[in-house]
C-alpha atoms as a PDB file:
ATOM      1  CA  SER A   1      66.815 155.248 -25.782  1.00  0.00           C
ATOM      2  CA  ILE A   2      63.426 153.622 -26.047  1.00  0.00           C
ATOM      3  CA  ILE A   3      63.734 153.762 -29.881  1.00  0.00           C
ATOM      4  CA  LEU A   4      66.755 151.414 -29.835  1.00  0.00           C
ATOM      5  CA  VAL A   5      65.014 149.044 -27.454  1.00  0.00           C
ATOM      6  CA  TYR A   6      62.208 148.652 -30.010  1.00  0.00           C
ATOM      7  CA  LEU A   7      64.680 148.280 -32.867  1.00  0.00           C
ATOM      8  CA  PHE A   8      66.345 145.496 -31.006  1.00  0.00           C
ATOM      9  CA  LYS A   9      63.014 143.706 -30.525  1.00  0.00           C
ATOM     10  CA  ILE A  10      62.304 144.049 -34.242  1.00  0.00           C
ATOM     11  CA  PHE A  11      65.738 142.558 -35.170  1.00  0.00           C
ATOM     12  CA  ASN A  12      65.409 139.935 -32.340  1.00  0.00           C
ATOM     13  CA  LEU A  13      68.596 141.068 -30.616  1.00  0.00           C
ATOM     14  CA  LYS A  14      69.077 140.175 -26.998  1.00  0.00           C
ATOM     15  CA  THR A  15      70.289 143.052 -24.846  1.00  0.00           C
ATOM     16  CA  SER A  16      68.374 145.222 -22.418  1.00  0.00           C
ATOM     17  CA  ASP A  17      70.365 148.411 -22.706  1.00  0.00           C
ATOM     18  CA  PRO A  18      72.293 149.063 -25.984  1.00  0.00           C
ATOM     19  CA  MET A  19      72.897 152.663 -24.988  1.00  0.00           C
ATOM     20  CA  SER A  20      74.673 152.115 -21.616  1.00  0.00           C
ATOM     21  CA  GLY A  21      78.188 152.698 -22.984  1.00  0.00           C
ATOM     22  CA  TYR A  22      79.729 149.807 -21.041  1.00  0.00           C
ATOM     23  CA  PHE A  23      80.501 146.695 -23.048  1.00  0.00           C
ATOM     24  CA  ILE A  24      83.395 144.360 -23.980  1.00  0.00           C
ATOM     25  CA  PHE A  25      83.986 142.557 -27.270  1.00  0.00           C
ATOM     26  CA  LYS A  26      86.897 140.919 -29.006  1.00  0.00           C
ATOM     27  CA  LYS A  27      88.925 142.999 -31.460  1.00  0.00           C
ATOM     28  CA  LYS A  28      88.282 140.429 -34.220  1.00  0.00           C
ATOM     29  CA  ILE A  29      84.531 141.101 -34.003  1.00  0.00           C
ATOM     30  CA  TYR A  30      85.144 144.728 -34.847  1.00  0.00           C
ATOM     31  CA  LEU A  31      87.661 143.882 -37.582  1.00  0.00           C
ATOM     32  CA  GLN A  32      85.217 141.436 -39.200  1.00  0.00           C
ATOM     33  CA  ASN A  33      82.421 143.958 -39.215  1.00  0.00           C
ATOM     34  CA  LYS A  34      84.056 147.411 -39.573  1.00  0.00           C
ATOM     35  CA  ASN A  35      83.029 147.850 -43.192  1.00  0.00           C
ATOM     36  CA  ARG A  36      79.341 147.051 -42.396  1.00  0.00           C
ATOM     37  CA  LEU A  37      78.972 149.621 -39.618  1.00  0.00           C
ATOM     38  CA  PHE A  38      76.891 152.803 -39.850  1.00  0.00           C
ATOM     39  CA  GLY A  39      79.811 154.641 -38.292  1.00  0.00           C
ATOM     40  CA  LYS A  40      78.132 157.843 -37.159  1.00  0.00           C
ATOM     41  CA  GLY A  41      77.282 158.618 -33.554  1.00  0.00           C
ATOM     42  CA  PHE A  42      78.715 157.167 -30.420  1.00  0.00           C
ATOM     43  CA  LYS A  43      76.801 153.869 -29.964  1.00  0.00           C
ATOM     44  CA  ILE A  44      79.108 151.297 -31.487  1.00  0.00           C
ATOM     45  CA  LEU A  45      77.515 148.490 -29.454  1.00  0.00           C
ATOM     46  CA  ALA A  46      74.121 149.007 -31.087  1.00  0.00           C
ATOM     47  CA  ASP A  47      75.871 149.356 -34.472  1.00  0.00           C
ATOM     48  CA  LEU A  48      77.731 146.127 -34.028  1.00  0.00           C
ATOM     49  CA  LEU A  49      74.708 144.171 -32.834  1.00  0.00           C
ATOM     50  CA  VAL A  50      72.459 145.422 -35.641  1.00  0.00           C
ATOM     51  CA  ASN A  51      74.922 145.376 -38.545  1.00  0.00           C
ATOM     52  CA  SER A  52      77.150 142.453 -37.678  1.00  0.00           C
ATOM     53  CA  LYS A  53      77.673 139.741 -40.358  1.00  0.00           C
ATOM     54  CA  HIS A  54      76.722 137.043 -37.803  1.00  0.00           C
ATOM     55  CA  LYS A  55      74.459 137.141 -34.754  1.00  0.00           C
ATOM     56  CA  LEU A  56      76.545 138.083 -31.743  1.00  0.00           C
ATOM     57  CA  LEU A  57      76.221 136.415 -28.378  1.00  0.00           C
ATOM     58  CA  THR A  58      75.444 138.908 -25.583  1.00  0.00           C
ATOM     59  CA  LYS A  59      75.131 138.754 -21.865  1.00  0.00           C
ATOM     60  CA  ASP A  60      73.781 141.614 -19.801  1.00  0.00           C
ATOM     61  CA  ILE A  61      75.208 142.326 -16.353  1.00  0.00           C
ATOM     62  CA  TYR A  62      73.180 144.738 -14.205  1.00  0.00           C
ATOM     63  CA  ILE A  63      74.934 147.873 -13.040  1.00  0.00           C
ATOM     64  CA  ASN A  64      73.309 150.203 -10.537  1.00  0.00           C
ATOM     65  CA  PHE A  65      73.927 153.796 -11.636  1.00  0.00           C
ATOM     66  CA  ASN A  66      73.542 156.614  -9.190  1.00  0.00           C
ATOM     67  CA  ARG A  67      71.208 159.442 -10.085  1.00  0.00           C
ATOM     68  CA  ARG A  68      72.710 162.201 -12.211  1.00  0.00           C
ATOM     69  CA  TYR A  69      72.703 165.458 -10.155  1.00  0.00           C
ATOM     70  CA  HIS A  70      75.238 167.767 -11.741  1.00  0.00           C
ATOM     71  CA  SER A  71      75.659 166.729 -15.372  1.00  0.00           C
ATOM     72  CA  GLN A  72      73.320 166.392 -18.307  1.00  0.00           C
ATOM     73  CA  SER A  73      72.559 163.640 -20.806  1.00  0.00           C
ATOM     74  CA  LYS A  74      74.383 163.797 -24.178  1.00  0.00           C
ATOM     75  CA  MET A  75      71.064 163.205 -25.925  1.00  0.00           C
ATOM     76  CA  ASN A  76      69.983 166.187 -28.023  1.00  0.00           C
ATOM     77  CA  PHE A  77      68.233 166.767 -31.374  1.00  0.00           C
ATOM     78  CA  ARG A  78      71.441 166.075 -33.384  1.00  0.00           C
ATOM     79  CA  ILE A  79      72.058 162.791 -31.636  1.00  0.00           C
ATOM     80  CA  LEU A  80      68.391 161.835 -32.078  1.00  0.00           C
ATOM     81  CA  PHE A  81      68.599 162.615 -35.752  1.00  0.00           C
ATOM     82  CA  ILE A  82      71.688 160.403 -36.149  1.00  0.00           C
ATOM     83  CA  LEU A  83      69.921 157.652 -34.197  1.00  0.00           C
ATOM     84  CA  VAL A  84      66.915 157.778 -36.544  1.00  0.00           C
ATOM     85  CA  GLN A  85      69.270 157.674 -39.562  1.00  0.00           C
ATOM     86  CA  PHE A  86      71.035 154.661 -38.064  1.00  0.00           C
ATOM     87  CA  ILE A  87      67.732 152.817 -37.467  1.00  0.00           C
ATOM     88  CA  LEU A  88      66.435 153.516 -41.021  1.00  0.00           C
ATOM     89  CA  ILE A  89      69.654 152.665 -42.783  1.00  0.00           C
ATOM     90  CA  SER A  90      70.199 149.491 -40.704  1.00  0.00           C
ATOM     91  CA  PHE A  91      66.652 148.365 -41.357  1.00  0.00           C
ATOM     92  CA  LEU A  92      66.930 148.947 -45.094  1.00  0.00           C
ATOM     93  CA  LYS A  93      70.288 147.114 -45.207  1.00  0.00           C
ATOM     94  CA  ARG A  94      68.657 144.081 -43.556  1.00  0.00           C
ATOM     95  CA  LEU A  95      65.817 144.130 -46.108  1.00  0.00           C
ATOM     96  CA  PHE A  96      67.888 144.558 -49.290  1.00  0.00           C
ATOM     97  CA  ILE A  97      71.402 143.263 -48.583  1.00  0.00           C
END
């Protein structure tokens, strides 16, 4: 989502596609940050990168996806609403915590 890309620029986080769904991280990173996470929605990568206690090192690896012909995106109004909540709450946490 273009909204998350701008959020990542605001927070100076380095990844080109926080919504791809493909990522790897060590279990200890999750365990150290699980109480800080927004916890709603399905984008744990964005949640970890924005709400992590420490800045996480990322490396993007390009994957060429084929065009989607028969299925549809999961993005809908409900998901968009959760995404906006995530952005607002994460931004406020950064300002006041």
